[in-house]
Structure formats: C-alpha cells, structure tokens
C-alpha atoms as a PDB file:
ATOM      1  CA  UNK A   1     -17.065  20.440 -24.885  1.00  0.00           C
ATOM      2  CA  UNK A   2     -14.137  18.163 -24.307  1.00  0.00           C
ATOM      3  CA  UNK A   3     -13.452  15.562 -26.954  1.00  0.00           C
ATOM      4  CA  UNK A   4     -14.253  12.005 -25.910  1.00  0.00           C
ATOM      5  CA  UNK A   5     -10.767  11.021 -26.975  1.00  0.00           C
ATOM      6  CA  UNK A   6      -8.421  11.893 -24.144  1.00  0.00           C
ATOM      7  CA  UNK A   7      -4.654  12.009 -24.194  1.00  0.00           C
ATOM      8  CA  UNK A   8      -2.859   8.972 -22.852  1.00  0.00           C
ATOM      9  CA  UNK A   9       0.141  10.077 -20.831  1.00  0.00           C
ATOM     10  CA  UNK A  10       3.286   8.508 -22.174  1.00  0.00           C
ATOM     11  CA  UNK A  11       4.720   5.771 -20.016  1.00  0.00           C
ATOM     12  CA  UNK A  12       6.922   3.294 -21.797  1.00  0.00           C
ATOM     13  CA  UNK A  13       9.637   0.912 -20.702  1.00  0.00           C
ATOM     14  CA  UNK A  14      11.319   2.394 -17.670  1.00  0.00           C
ATOM     15  CA  UNK A  15      14.923   2.296 -16.674  1.00  0.00           C
ATOM     16  CA  UNK A  16      14.506   2.925 -12.978  1.00  0.00           C
ATOM     17  CA  UNK A  17      17.163   5.343 -11.740  1.00  0.00           C
ATOM     18  CA  UNK A  18      20.076   3.576 -13.275  1.00  0.00           C
ATOM     19  CA  UNK A  19      18.535   0.097 -13.013  1.00  0.00           C
ATOM     20  CA  UNK A  20      18.105  -0.605 -16.716  1.00  0.00           C
ATOM     21  CA  UNK A  21      21.500   0.226 -18.108  1.00  0.00           C
ATOM     22  CA  UNK A  22      22.054  -3.531 -18.037  1.00  0.00           C
ATOM     23  CA  UNK A  23      19.463  -6.102 -19.058  1.00  0.00           C
ATOM     24  CA  UNK A  24      20.528  -8.188 -16.059  1.00  0.00           C
ATOM     25  CA  UNK A  25      19.736  -5.574 -13.407  1.00  0.00           C
ATOM     26  CA  UNK A  26      16.019  -6.213 -12.741  1.00  0.00           C
ATOM     27  CA  UNK A  27      16.640  -9.884 -11.878  1.00  0.00           C
ATOM     28  CA  UNK A  28      16.839 -10.575  -8.125  1.00  0.00           C
ATOM     29  CA  UNK A  29      20.400 -10.962  -6.897  1.00  0.00           C
ATOM     30  CA  UNK A  30      21.419 -14.471  -5.946  1.00  0.00           C
ATOM     31  CA  UNK A  31      22.161 -14.887  -2.247  1.00  0.00           C
ATOM     32  CA  UNK A  32      22.409 -18.647  -1.945  1.00  0.00           C
ATOM     33  CA  UNK A  33      18.913 -19.364  -0.648  1.00  0.00           C
ATOM     34  CA  UNK A  34      15.775 -17.926  -2.309  1.00  0.00           C
ATOM     35  CA  UNK A  35      14.346 -16.649   0.981  1.00  0.00           C
ATOM     36  CA  UNK A  36      16.486 -15.351   3.858  1.00  0.00           C
ATOM     37  CA  UNK A  37      16.055 -16.997   7.245  1.00  0.00           C
ATOM     38  CA  UNK A  38      13.739 -15.299   9.792  1.00  0.00           C
ATOM     39  CA  UNK A  39      16.790 -13.988  11.639  1.00  0.00           C
ATOM     40  CA  UNK A  40      17.741 -11.957   8.572  1.00  0.00           C
ATOM     41  CA  UNK A  41      14.535  -9.916   8.810  1.00  0.00           C
ATOM     42  CA  UNK A  42      14.785  -9.037  12.520  1.00  0.00           C
ATOM     43  CA  UNK A  43      16.410  -5.693  11.760  1.00  0.00           C
ATOM     44  CA  UNK A  44      14.178  -3.862   9.256  1.00  0.00           C
ATOM     45  CA  UNK A  45      15.874  -2.173   6.314  1.00  0.00           C
ATOM     46  CA  UNK A  46      13.834   0.969   7.071  1.00  0.00           C
ATOM     47  CA  UNK A  47      12.296   2.199  10.352  1.00  0.00           C
ATOM     48  CA  UNK A  48       8.694   0.970  10.606  1.00  0.00           C
ATOM     49  CA  UNK A  49       6.145   0.988  13.432  1.00  0.00           C
ATOM     50  CA  UNK A  50       6.436  -1.644  16.154  1.00  0.00           C
ATOM     51  CA  UNK A  51       4.756  -4.881  15.165  1.00  0.00           C
ATOM     52  CA  UNK A  52       5.296  -4.405  11.417  1.00  0.00           C
ATOM     53  CA  UNK A  53       7.397  -7.311  10.140  1.00  0.00           C
ATOM     54  CA  UNK A  54       8.859  -6.661   6.709  1.00  0.00           C
ATOM     55  CA  UNK A  55       9.071  -9.322   4.020  1.00  0.00           C
ATOM     56  CA  UNK A  56      12.764 -10.047   3.337  1.00  0.00           C
ATOM     57  CA  UNK A  57      14.169  -8.398   0.190  1.00  0.00           C
ATOM     58  CA  UNK A  58      14.649 -10.905  -2.619  1.00  0.00           C
ATOM     59  CA  UNK A  59      11.537 -12.891  -1.704  1.00  0.00           C
ATOM     60  CA  UNK A  60       9.898 -14.611  -4.666  1.00  0.00           C
ATOM     61  CA  UNK A  61       6.139 -14.826  -4.199  1.00  0.00           C
ATOM     62  CA  UNK A  62       3.105 -16.087  -6.093  1.00  0.00           C
ATOM     63  CA  UNK A  63      -0.029 -14.202  -7.107  1.00  0.00           C
ATOM     64  CA  UNK A  64      -2.255 -14.174  -4.024  1.00  0.00           C
ATOM     65  CA  UNK A  65       0.653 -13.835  -1.574  1.00  0.00           C
ATOM     66  CA  UNK A  66       1.112 -10.848   0.728  1.00  0.00           C
ATOM     67  CA  UNK A  67       4.317  -8.850   1.142  1.00  0.00           C
ATOM     68  CA  UNK A  68       4.899  -6.191   3.790  1.00  0.00           C
ATOM     69  CA  UNK A  69       7.263  -3.589   2.385  1.00  0.00           C
ATOM     70  CA  UNK A  70       8.757  -0.216   3.271  1.00  0.00           C
ATOM     71  CA  UNK A  71      10.039   2.598   1.064  1.00  0.00           C
ATOM     72  CA  UNK A  72      10.706   6.323   1.057  1.00  0.00           C
ATOM     73  CA  UNK A  73       8.071   8.200  -0.982  1.00  0.00           C
ATOM     74  CA  UNK A  74      10.015  11.317   0.012  1.00  0.00           C
ATOM     75  CA  UNK A  75      13.428  11.619   1.616  1.00  0.00           C
ATOM     76  CA  UNK A  76      12.016  12.503   5.032  1.00  0.00           C
ATOM     77  CA  UNK A  77       9.165   9.959   4.944  1.00  0.00           C
ATOM     78  CA  UNK A  78       8.895   6.194   5.276  1.00  0.00           C
ATOM     79  CA  UNK A  79       5.816   4.376   4.016  1.00  0.00           C
ATOM     80  CA  UNK A  80       4.905   0.803   4.915  1.00  0.00           C
ATOM     81  CA  UNK A  81       2.433  -1.269   2.897  1.00  0.00           C
ATOM     82  CA  UNK A  82       0.888  -4.706   2.961  1.00  0.00           C
ATOM     83  CA  UNK A  83       0.616  -5.613  -0.733  1.00  0.00           C
ATOM     84  CA  UNK A  84      -1.313  -8.583  -2.081  1.00  0.00           C
ATOM     85  CA  UNK A  85      -1.073  -8.975  -5.850  1.00  0.00           C
ATOM     86  CA  UNK A  86      -4.375 -10.623  -6.775  1.00  0.00           C
ATOM     87  CA  UNK A  87      -4.473 -10.932 -10.570  1.00  0.00           C
ATOM     88  CA  UNK A  88      -2.404 -10.590 -13.738  1.00  0.00           C
ATOM     89  CA  UNK A  89      -4.502  -9.979 -16.845  1.00  0.00           C
ATOM     90  CA  UNK A  90      -3.704  -9.580 -20.516  1.00  0.00           C
ATOM     91  CA  UNK A  91      -6.008  -7.456 -22.626  1.00  0.00           C
ATOM     92  CA  UNK A  92      -6.159  -6.126 -26.183  1.00  0.00           C
ATOM     93  CA  UNK A  93      -4.793  -2.847 -27.463  1.00  0.00           C
ATOM     94  CA  UNK A  94      -8.289  -2.413 -28.937  1.00  0.00           C
ATOM     95  CA  UNK A  95      -9.469  -1.593 -25.406  1.00  0.00           C
ATOM     96  CA  UNK A  96      -7.656   1.727 -25.832  1.00  0.00           C
ATOM     97  CA  UNK A  97      -9.304   2.714 -29.131  1.00  0.00           C
ATOM     98  CA  UNK A  98     -10.777   5.856 -27.533  1.00  0.00           C
ATOM     99  CA  UNK A  99      -7.312   7.058 -26.553  1.00  0.00           C
ATOM    100  CA  UNK A 100      -4.589   8.698 -28.564  1.00  0.00           C
ATOM    101  CA  UNK A 101      -1.711   6.222 -28.701  1.00  0.00           C
ATOM    102  CA  UNK A 102       1.735   6.710 -30.139  1.00  0.00           C
ATOM    103  CA  UNK A 103       2.884   4.349 -32.897  1.00  0.00           C
ATOM    104  CA  UNK A 104       5.112   2.610 -30.352  1.00  0.00           C
ATOM    105  CA  UNK A 105       2.254   2.155 -27.895  1.00  0.00           C
ATOM    106  CA  UNK A 106       0.073   0.647 -30.630  1.00  0.00           C
ATOM    107  CA  UNK A 107       2.684  -2.104 -30.948  1.00  0.00           C
ATOM    108  CA  UNK A 108       2.640  -2.902 -27.230  1.00  0.00           C
ATOM    109  CA  UNK A 109       0.832  -5.625 -25.302  1.00  0.00           C
ATOM    110  CA  UNK A 110      -1.286  -4.164 -22.473  1.00  0.00           C
ATOM    111  CA  UNK A 111      -1.564  -5.860 -19.090  1.00  0.00           C
ATOM    112  CA  UNK A 112      -3.615  -5.160 -15.980  1.00  0.00           C
ATOM    113  CA  UNK A 113      -2.175  -5.866 -12.518  1.00  0.00           C
ATOM    114  CA  UNK A 114      -4.664  -5.929  -9.659  1.00  0.00           C
ATOM    115  CA  UNK A 115      -3.676  -5.676  -5.999  1.00  0.00           C
ATOM    116  CA  UNK A 116      -5.099  -5.089  -2.538  1.00  0.00           C
ATOM    117  CA  UNK A 117      -2.992  -2.681  -0.510  1.00  0.00           C
ATOM    118  CA  UNK A 118      -3.152  -1.622   3.147  1.00  0.00           C
ATOM    119  CA  UNK A 119      -1.202   1.233   4.703  1.00  0.00           C
ATOM    120  CA  UNK A 120       0.449  -0.414   7.719  1.00  0.00           C
ATOM    121  CA  UNK A 121       2.795   2.488   8.445  1.00  0.00           C
ATOM    122  CA  UNK A 122       2.275   5.834  10.117  1.00  0.00           C
ATOM    123  CA  UNK A 123       2.607   8.062   7.009  1.00  0.00           C
ATOM    124  CA  UNK A 124      -0.272   9.359   4.894  1.00  0.00           C
ATOM    125  CA  UNK A 125       0.536   8.226   1.339  1.00  0.00           C
ATOM    126  CA  UNK A 126      -2.413  10.001  -0.250  1.00  0.00           C
ATOM    127  CA  UNK A 127      -1.861  10.854  -3.914  1.00  0.00           C
ATOM    128  CA  UNK A 128       1.424   8.939  -4.095  1.00  0.00           C
ATOM    129  CA  UNK A 129       2.091   6.515  -6.968  1.00  0.00           C
ATOM    130  CA  UNK A 130       1.586   2.842  -6.206  1.00  0.00           C
ATOM    131  CA  UNK A 131       5.175   1.469  -5.946  1.00  0.00           C
ATOM    132  CA  UNK A 132       4.760  -1.552  -8.228  1.00  0.00           C
ATOM    133  CA  UNK A 133       6.493  -2.257 -11.532  1.00  0.00           C
ATOM    134  CA  UNK A 134       6.484  -5.199 -13.895  1.00  0.00           C
ATOM    135  CA  UNK A 135       9.372  -7.002 -15.532  1.00  0.00           C
ATOM    136  CA  UNK A 136       8.882  -7.885 -19.199  1.00  0.00           C
ATOM    137  CA  UNK A 137      10.373 -10.666 -21.301  1.00  0.00           C
ATOM    138  CA  UNK A 138      13.354  -8.428 -22.115  1.00  0.00           C
ATOM    139  CA  UNK A 139      14.128  -8.204 -18.366  1.00  0.00           C
ATOM    140  CA  UNK A 140      13.264  -4.496 -18.336  1.00  0.00           C
ATOM    141  CA  UNK A 141      11.287  -2.726 -15.612  1.00  0.00           C
ATOM    142  CA  UNK A 142       8.074  -1.058 -16.799  1.00  0.00           C
ATOM    143  CA  UNK A 143       6.246   1.609 -14.847  1.00  0.00           C
ATOM    144  CA  UNK A 144       2.434   1.880 -14.755  1.00  0.00           C
ATOM    145  CA  UNK A 145       0.740   3.975 -17.430  1.00  0.00           C
ATOM    146  CA  UNK A 146      -1.388   6.794 -15.940  1.00  0.00           C
ATOM    147  CA  UNK A 147      -4.374   8.325 -17.709  1.00  0.00           C
ATOM    148  CA  UNK A 148      -5.459  11.921 -18.205  1.00  0.00           C
ATOM    149  CA  UNK A 149      -9.075  10.953 -17.413  1.00  0.00           C
ATOM    150  CA  UNK A 150     -11.137   8.004 -16.280  1.00  0.00           C
ATOM    151  CA  UNK A 151     -10.427   4.520 -17.654  1.00  0.00           C
ATOM    152  CA  UNK A 152     -13.037   2.297 -16.045  1.00  0.00           C
ATOM    153  CA  UNK A 153     -11.548  -1.086 -16.966  1.00  0.00           C
ATOM    154  CA  UNK A 154      -8.363  -0.376 -14.991  1.00  0.00           C
ATOM    155  CA  UNK A 155      -8.080   3.166 -13.541  1.00  0.00           C
ATOM    156  CA  UNK A 156      -4.270   3.039 -13.092  1.00  0.00           C
ATOM    157  CA  UNK A 157      -4.304   5.929 -10.637  1.00  0.00           C
ATOM    158  CA  UNK A 158      -2.198   6.838  -7.569  1.00  0.00           C
ATOM    159  CA  UNK A 159      -3.435   6.130  -4.070  1.00  0.00           C
ATOM    160  CA  UNK A 160      -6.611   7.994  -3.022  1.00  0.00           C
ATOM    161  CA  UNK A 161      -6.192  11.627  -1.978  1.00  0.00           C
ATOM    162  CA  UNK A 162      -6.177  10.472   1.640  1.00  0.00           C
ATOM    163  CA  UNK A 163      -4.488   7.123   2.312  1.00  0.00           C
ATOM    164  CA  UNK A 164      -3.476   7.166   5.946  1.00  0.00           C
ATOM    165  CA  UNK A 165      -2.565   4.477   8.494  1.00  0.00           C
ATOM    166  CA  UNK A 166      -5.000   1.565   8.342  1.00  0.00           C
ATOM    167  CA  UNK A 167      -6.545   2.620   5.028  1.00  0.00           C
ATOM    168  CA  UNK A 168      -7.028  -0.011   2.328  1.00  0.00           C
ATOM    169  CA  UNK A 169      -7.399   0.213  -1.449  1.00  0.00           C
ATOM    170  CA  UNK A 170      -8.072  -2.146  -4.337  1.00  0.00           C
ATOM    171  CA  UNK A 171      -5.926  -0.958  -7.221  1.00  0.00           C
ATOM    172  CA  UNK A 172      -5.553  -1.834 -10.879  1.00  0.00           C
ATOM    173  CA  UNK A 173      -2.514  -0.663 -12.848  1.00  0.00           C
ATOM    174  CA  UNK A 174      -1.977  -0.656 -16.619  1.00  0.00           C
ATOM    175  CA  UNK A 175       1.378  -1.646 -18.101  1.00  0.00           C
ATOM    176  CA  UNK A 176       2.277  -1.465 -21.798  1.00  0.00           C
ATOM    177  CA  UNK A 177       4.927  -4.010 -22.778  1.00  0.00           C
ATOM    178  CA  UNK A 178       6.740  -2.637 -25.858  1.00  0.00           C
ATOM    179  CA  UNK A 179       7.112  -4.586 -29.110  1.00  0.00           C
ATOM    180  CA  UNK A 180       4.294  -7.007 -28.245  1.00  0.00           C
ATOM    181  CA  UNK A 181       6.217  -8.137 -25.176  1.00  0.00           C
ATOM    182  CA  UNK A 182       5.087 -10.276 -22.259  1.00  0.00           C
ATOM    183  CA  UNK A 183       4.677  -9.765 -18.531  1.00  0.00           C
ATOM    184  CA  UNK A 184       7.056 -11.983 -16.556  1.00  0.00           C
ATOM    185  CA  UNK A 185       6.667 -10.748 -12.966  1.00  0.00           C
ATOM    186  CA  UNK A 186       5.471  -7.919 -10.736  1.00  0.00           C
ATOM    187  CA  UNK A 187       8.249  -6.181  -8.837  1.00  0.00           C
ATOM    188  CA  UNK A 188       8.574  -4.044  -5.730  1.00  0.00           C
ATOM    189  CA  UNK A 189      11.907  -2.289  -6.186  1.00  0.00           C
ATOM    190  CA  UNK A 190      11.804   1.234  -4.737  1.00  0.00           C
ATOM    191  CA  UNK A 191      15.435   2.059  -5.470  1.00  0.00           C
ATOM    192  CA  UNK A 192      18.453   0.804  -7.355  1.00  0.00           C
ATOM    193  CA  UNK A 193      20.215  -1.182  -4.648  1.00  0.00           C
ATOM    194  CA  UNK A 194      17.079  -2.913  -3.309  1.00  0.00           C
ATOM    195  CA  UNK A 195      16.915  -6.655  -3.970  1.00  0.00           C
ATOM    196  CA  UNK A 196      13.385  -6.783  -5.453  1.00  0.00           C
ATOM    197  CA  UNK A 197      10.410  -8.640  -4.053  1.00  0.00           C
ATOM    198  CA  UNK A 198       8.601 -10.285  -6.960  1.00  0.00           C
ATOM    199  CA  UNK A 199       5.281 -11.967  -7.686  1.00  0.00           C
ATOM    200  CA  UNK A 200       4.733 -14.468 -10.507  1.00  0.00           C
ATOM    201  CA  UNK A 201       1.679 -16.392 -11.652  1.00  0.00           C
ATOM    202  CA  UNK A 202      -0.635 -17.193 -14.508  1.00  0.00           C
ATOM    203  CA  UNK A 203      -1.552 -14.296 -16.773  1.00  0.00           C
ATOM    204  CA  UNK A 204      -5.236 -14.678 -17.652  1.00  0.00           C
ATOM    205  CA  UNK A 205      -7.334 -13.037 -20.338  1.00  0.00           C
ATOM    206  CA  UNK A 206      -9.177  -9.938 -19.145  1.00  0.00           C
ATOM    207  CA  UNK A 207     -12.937 -10.442 -19.088  1.00  0.00           C
ATOM    208  CA  UNK A 208     -15.066  -7.270 -18.811  1.00  0.00           C
ATOM    209  CA  UNK A 209     -17.600  -7.461 -15.975  1.00  0.00           C
ATOM    210  CA  UNK A 210     -21.096  -8.415 -17.031  1.00  0.00           C
ATOM    211  CA  UNK A 211     -23.605  -5.564 -16.756  1.00  0.00           C
ATOM    212  CA  UNK A 212     -25.772  -5.791 -13.658  1.00  0.00           C
ATOM    213  CA  UNK A 213     -29.544  -5.873 -13.953  1.00  0.00           C
ATOM    214  CA  UNK A 214     -31.060  -2.728 -12.525  1.00  0.00           C
ATOM    215  CA  UNK A 215     -33.162  -2.971  -9.411  1.00  0.00           C
ATOM    216  CA  UNK A 216     -35.819  -0.998 -11.254  1.00  0.00           C
ATOM    217  CA  UNK A 217     -36.027  -3.648 -13.942  1.00  0.00           C
ATOM    218  CA  UNK A 218     -36.316  -6.404 -11.340  1.00  0.00           C
ATOM    219  CA  UNK A 219     -39.161  -4.621  -9.575  1.00  0.00           C
ATOM    220  CA  UNK A 220     -40.931  -4.086 -12.880  1.00  0.00           C
ATOM    221  CA  UNK A 221     -40.731  -7.796 -13.662  1.00  0.00           C
ATOM    222  CA  UNK A 222     -42.213  -8.672 -10.276  1.00  0.00           C
ATOM    223  CA  UNK A 223     -45.124  -6.346 -10.822  1.00  0.00           C
ATOM    224  CA  UNK A 224     -45.902  -7.661 -14.278  1.00  0.00           C
ATOM    225  CA  UNK A 225     -45.743 -11.267 -13.037  1.00  0.00           C
ATOM    226  CA  UNK A 226     -48.109 -10.503 -10.229  1.00  0.00           C
ATOM    227  CA  UNK A 227     -50.655  -8.722 -12.464  1.00  0.00           C
END
C-alpha cells in the first residue's frame, strides 16, 4: 500500500534559461510607452492562424484580463493560447502537511494562481506545461511546483492529455516563494529575449470550498418532513 505522504517534486526559484543571472532581468523592458500601438502588433512575433491577434509583448495587464500569446513548446511547433488569469491566492504552508517538504520549502510562502486557458492555435498542446511563471519580491522568476500525485486544492498539473485547437481548461498552479517571499506578478515569458506579458492584482487569502450537501441527504430530509 502506498503511503499517504507523497513526494513533492522539487521546484524552487527558477532562473529561466539565463534570465535570472541578474535580478533586473524579469522586469519588462522599457520601450517608452507601456503598451505598443496597434500597428506594432500587425506582424505577429510567431506564425499563428489567421484571425488570431497576439497581445503585444510588454503588455501590463490586471487579473481578469485576457492575453493572446504564442510560444514554441517544441522547436518545430507553435502554440497559441488565450490566457485569462482569474485569481491570485495566498495559502499556508500547513496545507502541505501531508507532503514531504525540504527545509527550504518549509520556509516558503505558497501561492495559487488560477487561470482560464483556450487553445486558439492549430497545435495539440496535450501534456505540455502551462507556460506561466510568477515574479517574486526579489524580482526572480518562479516556475510552478508539480506534484507526484493528486493535490485537490490546486492540482498544478500540465494541460490535459489532449488539448487541441478550441479546447479550454481551468487551471490552478502552485508557486513556492522562497524565504517567506511574496508574489508580485504573473508572467508569460517563454524565452530569454521575450519582453514579458504580466498580470498584477490583489492577492487574496485562499478559502477552501465549502462541502456540498449530498442529494441523498436532501431527499431524506424531504421524506422526513412529509411523514
């Protein structure tokens, strides 16, 4: 019988492919105006299907806003996604008491990032990691923390096994900010030279969903009241 305590796969502060050698790197590059003019987005930075209009790199968005992005999950593939970051939540490290944490992870602050994502490209992205990071208060990119088995509060899993054109998914990703750090923004930055698209907003306390009353219990109450 497997032990109830599963192994938490290590995922700590990430320096993304040469991005974190400097603490200044994750910050969006200044280009004069915060958002490029519509003309700047007429030529997409990657080939996407007709009718897909990409959000300009460097855009600074709020929680609830959509961004249409493109990236290369593999060298010969281009994926296109409509991403809506819907919630930023702070939780307690006590939520992970059933997991084996390293000493460093025990000193982290855990956050949940929730998003709705639609595949608006023509590539099946099934099983691929969700391309979202967070930036902490040390201006370092953090990657999501995956789990070796189910974590109901926030599964933090890749896309479903099949995630083809037109498919949609509600995702929740776990991030562990080292040294009791904070979450500053959510970042789409698929590679080093990309000027990131970021989302910011209020970080709220995670509230576990209230248990639902069973239909069986409701029926039982109706019968007893009618007796």
